C-alpha cells in the first residue's frame, strides 16, 4: 500500500484550519499533573541513597525475583479483601486526593525498588492516606514487557501497608501510574 504524501496546498490548508480552530503549539512535551513538583529533603535523601547503593539489598520487603509481565496499557488494580467497595471505587475514579508523588522514570530496577520502599515508609510515617507512583509503560532494554510497571504491580501486592492500588485516571498518568491507598496507623 502506498502512502499519500500531501502537497504544499494541502499542508497550507491544514495549517490554516488549525490556526482558525485556535490550536497552538505546546511549550513542553512533559505532562502537567496539576500539582507543583515537590523537591523536598526526604526525596533528595532517598534519591542519594538509591544512587549510592551499588550493592543489591535483598533485605527489603519487596521481592526482586521474576514477576508476571503486564501489558503497557493494562489497567492495574488490587485491594485487600475487607476493603469497603465504596473506598476502592472512589480510589479508581480518582476521587481520593493523593498527598505525595514519586516518579520512577530513569531508575534501574534495583534503584526503583529501594526508592519505592523508602517512599512508602516515609508516606506511612507522615500519616499519608493516598500517594501516586508513576512507573511508566516503557519496555526495558532487555525485555519485551514494561519492567518497572510489572515489578511495581508485584511489589505493591507484597507491601504490608498497602490496602489497595489501581491505575490512575488519565490526568494523573493513566496506566503509566498508580494510586496507592495506605493503611492508617493502628489499622
C-alpha atoms as a PDB file:
ATOM      1  CA  UNK A   1       0.000   0.000   0.000  1.00  0.00           C
ATOM      2  CA  UNK A   2       1.426   3.371  -0.991  1.00  0.00           C
ATOM      3  CA  UNK A   3       1.089   6.299   1.347  1.00  0.00           C
ATOM      4  CA  UNK A   4      -0.383   9.573   0.054  1.00  0.00           C
ATOM      5  CA  UNK A   5       2.011  12.454   0.627  1.00  0.00           C
ATOM      6  CA  UNK A   6       0.285  15.824   0.927  1.00  0.00           C
ATOM      7  CA  UNK A   7       1.272  18.611  -1.430  1.00  0.00           C
ATOM      8  CA  UNK A   8       2.071  22.174  -0.347  1.00  0.00           C
ATOM      9  CA  UNK A   9      -1.543  23.324  -0.835  1.00  0.00           C
ATOM     10  CA  UNK A  10      -2.810  20.529   1.432  1.00  0.00           C
ATOM     11  CA  UNK A  11      -0.257  21.385   4.121  1.00  0.00           C
ATOM     12  CA  UNK A  12      -1.080  25.090   3.915  1.00  0.00           C
ATOM     13  CA  UNK A  13      -4.838  24.397   4.161  1.00  0.00           C
ATOM     14  CA  UNK A  14      -4.259  22.136   7.160  1.00  0.00           C
ATOM     15  CA  UNK A  15      -2.172  24.754   8.975  1.00  0.00           C
ATOM     16  CA  UNK A  16      -4.808  27.430   8.279  1.00  0.00           C
ATOM     17  CA  UNK A  17      -7.532  25.131   9.639  1.00  0.00           C
ATOM     18  CA  UNK A  18      -5.501  24.537  12.794  1.00  0.00           C
ATOM     19  CA  UNK A  19      -4.926  28.260  13.250  1.00  0.00           C
ATOM     20  CA  UNK A  20      -8.621  29.029  12.677  1.00  0.00           C
ATOM     21  CA  UNK A  21      -9.548  26.416  15.282  1.00  0.00           C
ATOM     22  CA  UNK A  22      -7.266  28.073  17.846  1.00  0.00           C
ATOM     23  CA  UNK A  23      -4.776  25.197  18.025  1.00  0.00           C
ATOM     24  CA  UNK A  24      -1.396  26.355  19.273  1.00  0.00           C
ATOM     25  CA  UNK A  25       1.977  24.671  19.601  1.00  0.00           C
ATOM     26  CA  UNK A  26       2.677  23.261  23.071  1.00  0.00           C
ATOM     27  CA  UNK A  27       5.579  24.739  25.002  1.00  0.00           C
ATOM     28  CA  UNK A  28       6.722  21.471  26.587  1.00  0.00           C
ATOM     29  CA  UNK A  29       6.209  17.802  25.872  1.00  0.00           C
ATOM     30  CA  UNK A  30       6.062  16.896  29.575  1.00  0.00           C
ATOM     31  CA  UNK A  31       2.823  16.076  31.336  1.00  0.00           C
ATOM     32  CA  UNK A  32       1.475  18.549  33.860  1.00  0.00           C
ATOM     33  CA  UNK A  33      -0.103  16.618  36.752  1.00  0.00           C
ATOM     34  CA  UNK A  34      -1.685  19.840  38.004  1.00  0.00           C
ATOM     35  CA  UNK A  35       0.272  19.829  41.243  1.00  0.00           C
ATOM     36  CA  UNK A  36       3.572  21.550  41.939  1.00  0.00           C
ATOM     37  CA  UNK A  37       6.591  19.288  41.765  1.00  0.00           C
ATOM     38  CA  UNK A  38       7.883  18.739  45.269  1.00  0.00           C
ATOM     39  CA  UNK A  39      11.596  18.669  45.746  1.00  0.00           C
ATOM     40  CA  UNK A  40      11.813  18.103  49.466  1.00  0.00           C
ATOM     41  CA  UNK A  41      14.771  16.934  51.521  1.00  0.00           C
ATOM     42  CA  UNK A  42      13.337  13.451  52.086  1.00  0.00           C
ATOM     43  CA  UNK A  43      13.050  12.909  48.333  1.00  0.00           C
ATOM     44  CA  UNK A  44      16.631  14.082  47.809  1.00  0.00           C
ATOM     45  CA  UNK A  45      17.863  11.752  50.575  1.00  0.00           C
ATOM     46  CA  UNK A  46      16.022   8.783  49.030  1.00  0.00           C
ATOM     47  CA  UNK A  47      17.454   9.581  45.618  1.00  0.00           C
ATOM     48  CA  UNK A  48      21.013   9.817  47.009  1.00  0.00           C
ATOM     49  CA  UNK A  49      20.602   6.537  48.886  1.00  0.00           C
ATOM     50  CA  UNK A  50      19.311   4.787  45.775  1.00  0.00           C
ATOM     51  CA  UNK A  51      22.096   6.120  43.553  1.00  0.00           C
ATOM     52  CA  UNK A  52      24.864   5.448  46.085  1.00  0.00           C
ATOM     53  CA  UNK A  53      23.679   1.887  46.695  1.00  0.00           C
ATOM     54  CA  UNK A  54      25.844  -0.162  44.383  1.00  0.00           C
ATOM     55  CA  UNK A  55      25.182  -3.474  46.108  1.00  0.00           C
ATOM     56  CA  UNK A  56      21.975  -5.441  45.816  1.00  0.00           C
ATOM     57  CA  UNK A  57      19.995  -5.079  49.002  1.00  0.00           C
ATOM     58  CA  UNK A  58      17.951  -8.183  49.476  1.00  0.00           C
ATOM     59  CA  UNK A  59      16.819  -7.202  52.953  1.00  0.00           C
ATOM     60  CA  UNK A  60      13.865  -5.173  51.673  1.00  0.00           C
ATOM     61  CA  UNK A  61      10.261  -6.257  51.951  1.00  0.00           C
ATOM     62  CA  UNK A  62       9.754  -6.491  48.215  1.00  0.00           C
ATOM     63  CA  UNK A  63      10.955  -9.356  46.092  1.00  0.00           C
ATOM     64  CA  UNK A  64      13.443  -8.900  43.315  1.00  0.00           C
ATOM     65  CA  UNK A  65      12.653 -12.188  41.627  1.00  0.00           C
ATOM     66  CA  UNK A  66      10.677 -12.925  38.490  1.00  0.00           C
ATOM     67  CA  UNK A  67       7.329 -11.211  38.167  1.00  0.00           C
ATOM     68  CA  UNK A  68       4.290 -11.612  35.984  1.00  0.00           C
ATOM     69  CA  UNK A  69       4.637  -9.393  32.913  1.00  0.00           C
ATOM     70  CA  UNK A  70       1.855  -6.882  32.313  1.00  0.00           C
ATOM     71  CA  UNK A  71       0.992  -5.125  29.054  1.00  0.00           C
ATOM     72  CA  UNK A  72       1.918  -1.419  28.667  1.00  0.00           C
ATOM     73  CA  UNK A  73      -1.737  -0.293  28.571  1.00  0.00           C
ATOM     74  CA  UNK A  74      -3.025  -2.870  31.096  1.00  0.00           C
ATOM     75  CA  UNK A  75      -5.142  -1.457  33.932  1.00  0.00           C
ATOM     76  CA  UNK A  76      -3.720  -2.496  37.310  1.00  0.00           C
ATOM     77  CA  UNK A  77      -5.840  -2.980  40.406  1.00  0.00           C
ATOM     78  CA  UNK A  78      -5.577  -4.698  43.757  1.00  0.00           C
ATOM     79  CA  UNK A  79      -7.284  -4.443  47.129  1.00  0.00           C
ATOM     80  CA  UNK A  80      -7.260  -6.332  50.388  1.00  0.00           C
ATOM     81  CA  UNK A  81     -10.394  -8.483  50.734  1.00  0.00           C
ATOM     82  CA  UNK A  82     -12.015  -6.445  53.521  1.00  0.00           C
ATOM     83  CA  UNK A  83     -11.617  -3.001  51.929  1.00  0.00           C
ATOM     84  CA  UNK A  84     -15.039  -1.340  51.558  1.00  0.00           C
ATOM     85  CA  UNK A  85     -16.262  -1.318  47.950  1.00  0.00           C
ATOM     86  CA  UNK A  86     -17.013   2.416  48.107  1.00  0.00           C
ATOM     87  CA  UNK A  87     -13.472   3.263  49.235  1.00  0.00           C
ATOM     88  CA  UNK A  88     -11.950   1.269  46.366  1.00  0.00           C
ATOM     89  CA  UNK A  89     -14.448   2.710  43.890  1.00  0.00           C
ATOM     90  CA  UNK A  90     -13.508   6.275  44.891  1.00  0.00           C
ATOM     91  CA  UNK A  91      -9.813   5.438  44.504  1.00  0.00           C
ATOM     92  CA  UNK A  92     -10.427   4.025  40.997  1.00  0.00           C
ATOM     93  CA  UNK A  93     -12.342   7.163  39.949  1.00  0.00           C
ATOM     94  CA  UNK A  94      -9.504   9.419  41.141  1.00  0.00           C
ATOM     95  CA  UNK A  95     -11.682  10.868  43.907  1.00  0.00           C
ATOM     96  CA  UNK A  96      -9.199  10.162  46.699  1.00  0.00           C
ATOM     97  CA  UNK A  97      -6.740  13.066  46.788  1.00  0.00           C
ATOM     98  CA  UNK A  98      -3.113  11.970  46.650  1.00  0.00           C
ATOM     99  CA  UNK A  99      -0.726  13.724  49.008  1.00  0.00           C
ATOM    100  CA  UNK A 100       2.688  12.891  47.539  1.00  0.00           C
ATOM    101  CA  UNK A 101       4.073  11.511  44.308  1.00  0.00           C
ATOM    102  CA  UNK A 102       7.081   9.515  43.167  1.00  0.00           C
ATOM    103  CA  UNK A 103       8.317   9.239  39.579  1.00  0.00           C
ATOM    104  CA  UNK A 104      10.359   6.094  38.905  1.00  0.00           C
ATOM    105  CA  UNK A 105      11.477   7.089  35.391  1.00  0.00           C
ATOM    106  CA  UNK A 106      15.242   6.880  34.978  1.00  0.00           C
ATOM    107  CA  UNK A 107      15.875   4.428  37.798  1.00  0.00           C
ATOM    108  CA  UNK A 108      17.365   0.993  37.392  1.00  0.00           C
ATOM    109  CA  UNK A 109      15.160  -1.815  38.666  1.00  0.00           C
ATOM    110  CA  UNK A 110      17.047  -2.092  41.964  1.00  0.00           C
ATOM    111  CA  UNK A 111      17.109   1.702  42.469  1.00  0.00           C
ATOM    112  CA  UNK A 112      13.370   1.841  41.770  1.00  0.00           C
ATOM    113  CA  UNK A 113      12.690  -0.873  44.372  1.00  0.00           C
ATOM    114  CA  UNK A 114      14.735   0.922  47.034  1.00  0.00           C
ATOM    115  CA  UNK A 115      13.171   4.281  46.160  1.00  0.00           C
ATOM    116  CA  UNK A 116       9.633   2.863  46.257  1.00  0.00           C
ATOM    117  CA  UNK A 117      10.188   1.159  49.623  1.00  0.00           C
ATOM    118  CA  UNK A 118      11.649   4.330  51.104  1.00  0.00           C
ATOM    119  CA  UNK A 119       8.833   6.466  49.672  1.00  0.00           C
ATOM    120  CA  UNK A 120       6.148   4.163  51.093  1.00  0.00           C
ATOM    121  CA  UNK A 121       7.846   4.117  54.514  1.00  0.00           C
ATOM    122  CA  UNK A 122       8.088   7.931  54.553  1.00  0.00           C
ATOM    123  CA  UNK A 123       4.469   8.341  53.439  1.00  0.00           C
ATOM    124  CA  UNK A 124       3.248   5.965  56.149  1.00  0.00           C
ATOM    125  CA  UNK A 125       5.373   7.697  58.800  1.00  0.00           C
ATOM    126  CA  UNK A 126       3.805  11.029  57.815  1.00  0.00           C
ATOM    127  CA  UNK A 127       0.309   9.546  58.078  1.00  0.00           C
ATOM    128  CA  UNK A 128      -0.466   9.901  54.374  1.00  0.00           C
ATOM    129  CA  UNK A 129      -3.551   8.070  53.122  1.00  0.00           C
ATOM    130  CA  UNK A 130      -3.057   8.135  49.338  1.00  0.00           C
ATOM    131  CA  UNK A 131       0.018   8.573  47.148  1.00  0.00           C
ATOM    132  CA  UNK A 132       0.747   8.460  43.418  1.00  0.00           C
ATOM    133  CA  UNK A 133       3.594   6.474  41.864  1.00  0.00           C
ATOM    134  CA  UNK A 134       4.484   6.963  38.195  1.00  0.00           C
ATOM    135  CA  UNK A 135       6.059   3.771  36.841  1.00  0.00           C
ATOM    136  CA  UNK A 136       5.677   4.434  33.114  1.00  0.00           C
ATOM    137  CA  UNK A 137       4.809   1.924  30.397  1.00  0.00           C
ATOM    138  CA  UNK A 138       8.072   1.599  28.518  1.00  0.00           C
ATOM    139  CA  UNK A 139       9.710  -1.703  27.715  1.00  0.00           C
ATOM    140  CA  UNK A 140      13.022  -2.434  29.353  1.00  0.00           C
ATOM    141  CA  UNK A 141      16.105  -2.549  27.162  1.00  0.00           C
ATOM    142  CA  UNK A 142      16.493  -6.291  27.682  1.00  0.00           C
ATOM    143  CA  UNK A 143      12.862  -7.415  27.868  1.00  0.00           C
ATOM    144  CA  UNK A 144       9.665  -7.403  25.868  1.00  0.00           C
ATOM    145  CA  UNK A 145       7.406  -6.066  28.651  1.00  0.00           C
ATOM    146  CA  UNK A 146       7.276  -2.901  30.789  1.00  0.00           C
ATOM    147  CA  UNK A 147       9.721  -3.859  33.537  1.00  0.00           C
ATOM    148  CA  UNK A 148       9.073  -1.129  36.118  1.00  0.00           C
ATOM    149  CA  UNK A 149       5.293  -1.377  35.682  1.00  0.00           C
ATOM    150  CA  UNK A 150       5.342  -5.166  36.073  1.00  0.00           C
ATOM    151  CA  UNK A 151       7.591  -5.059  39.137  1.00  0.00           C
ATOM    152  CA  UNK A 152       5.656  -2.208  40.758  1.00  0.00           C
ATOM    153  CA  UNK A 153       2.493  -4.297  40.337  1.00  0.00           C
ATOM    154  CA  UNK A 154       4.171  -7.210  42.165  1.00  0.00           C
ATOM    155  CA  UNK A 155       5.937  -5.133  44.833  1.00  0.00           C
ATOM    156  CA  UNK A 156       2.805  -3.252  45.890  1.00  0.00           C
ATOM    157  CA  UNK A 157       0.869  -6.509  46.337  1.00  0.00           C
ATOM    158  CA  UNK A 158       3.551  -7.650  48.820  1.00  0.00           C
ATOM    159  CA  UNK A 159       3.851  -4.417  50.797  1.00  0.00           C
ATOM    160  CA  UNK A 160       2.030  -4.776  54.149  1.00  0.00           C
ATOM    161  CA  UNK A 161       0.995  -1.105  54.373  1.00  0.00           C
ATOM    162  CA  UNK A 162      -0.814  -1.107  51.015  1.00  0.00           C
ATOM    163  CA  UNK A 163      -4.594  -1.536  51.285  1.00  0.00           C
ATOM    164  CA  UNK A 164      -5.254  -1.036  47.582  1.00  0.00           C
ATOM    165  CA  UNK A 165      -3.819   0.334  44.361  1.00  0.00           C
ATOM    166  CA  UNK A 166      -5.114   0.952  40.877  1.00  0.00           C
ATOM    167  CA  UNK A 167      -4.093   2.639  37.656  1.00  0.00           C
ATOM    168  CA  UNK A 168      -4.582   6.388  37.746  1.00  0.00           C
ATOM    169  CA  UNK A 169      -7.095   8.411  35.761  1.00  0.00           C
ATOM    170  CA  UNK A 170      -5.724   9.965  32.563  1.00  0.00           C
ATOM    171  CA  UNK A 171      -4.941  13.387  34.051  1.00  0.00           C
ATOM    172  CA  UNK A 172      -2.638  11.764  36.648  1.00  0.00           C
ATOM    173  CA  UNK A 173      -0.831   9.430  34.233  1.00  0.00           C
ATOM    174  CA  UNK A 174      -3.384   6.778  33.253  1.00  0.00           C
ATOM    175  CA  UNK A 175      -1.985   3.260  33.010  1.00  0.00           C
ATOM    176  CA  UNK A 176       1.542   4.668  33.472  1.00  0.00           C
ATOM    177  CA  UNK A 177       0.845   5.480  37.146  1.00  0.00           C
ATOM    178  CA  UNK A 178      -0.949   4.052  40.171  1.00  0.00           C
ATOM    179  CA  UNK A 179      -2.849   5.494  43.111  1.00  0.00           C
ATOM    180  CA  UNK A 180      -1.871   3.699  46.314  1.00  0.00           C
ATOM    181  CA  UNK A 181      -4.166   3.639  49.339  1.00  0.00           C
ATOM    182  CA  UNK A 182      -2.122   3.239  52.501  1.00  0.00           C
ATOM    183  CA  UNK A 183      -3.110   1.674  55.797  1.00  0.00           C
ATOM    184  CA  UNK A 184      -3.891   4.166  58.555  1.00  0.00           C
ATOM    185  CA  UNK A 185      -1.775   3.917  61.687  1.00  0.00           C
ATOM    186  CA  UNK A 186      -3.141   1.283  64.004  1.00  0.00           C
ATOM    187  CA  UNK A 187      -5.333  -0.198  61.253  1.00  0.00           C
END
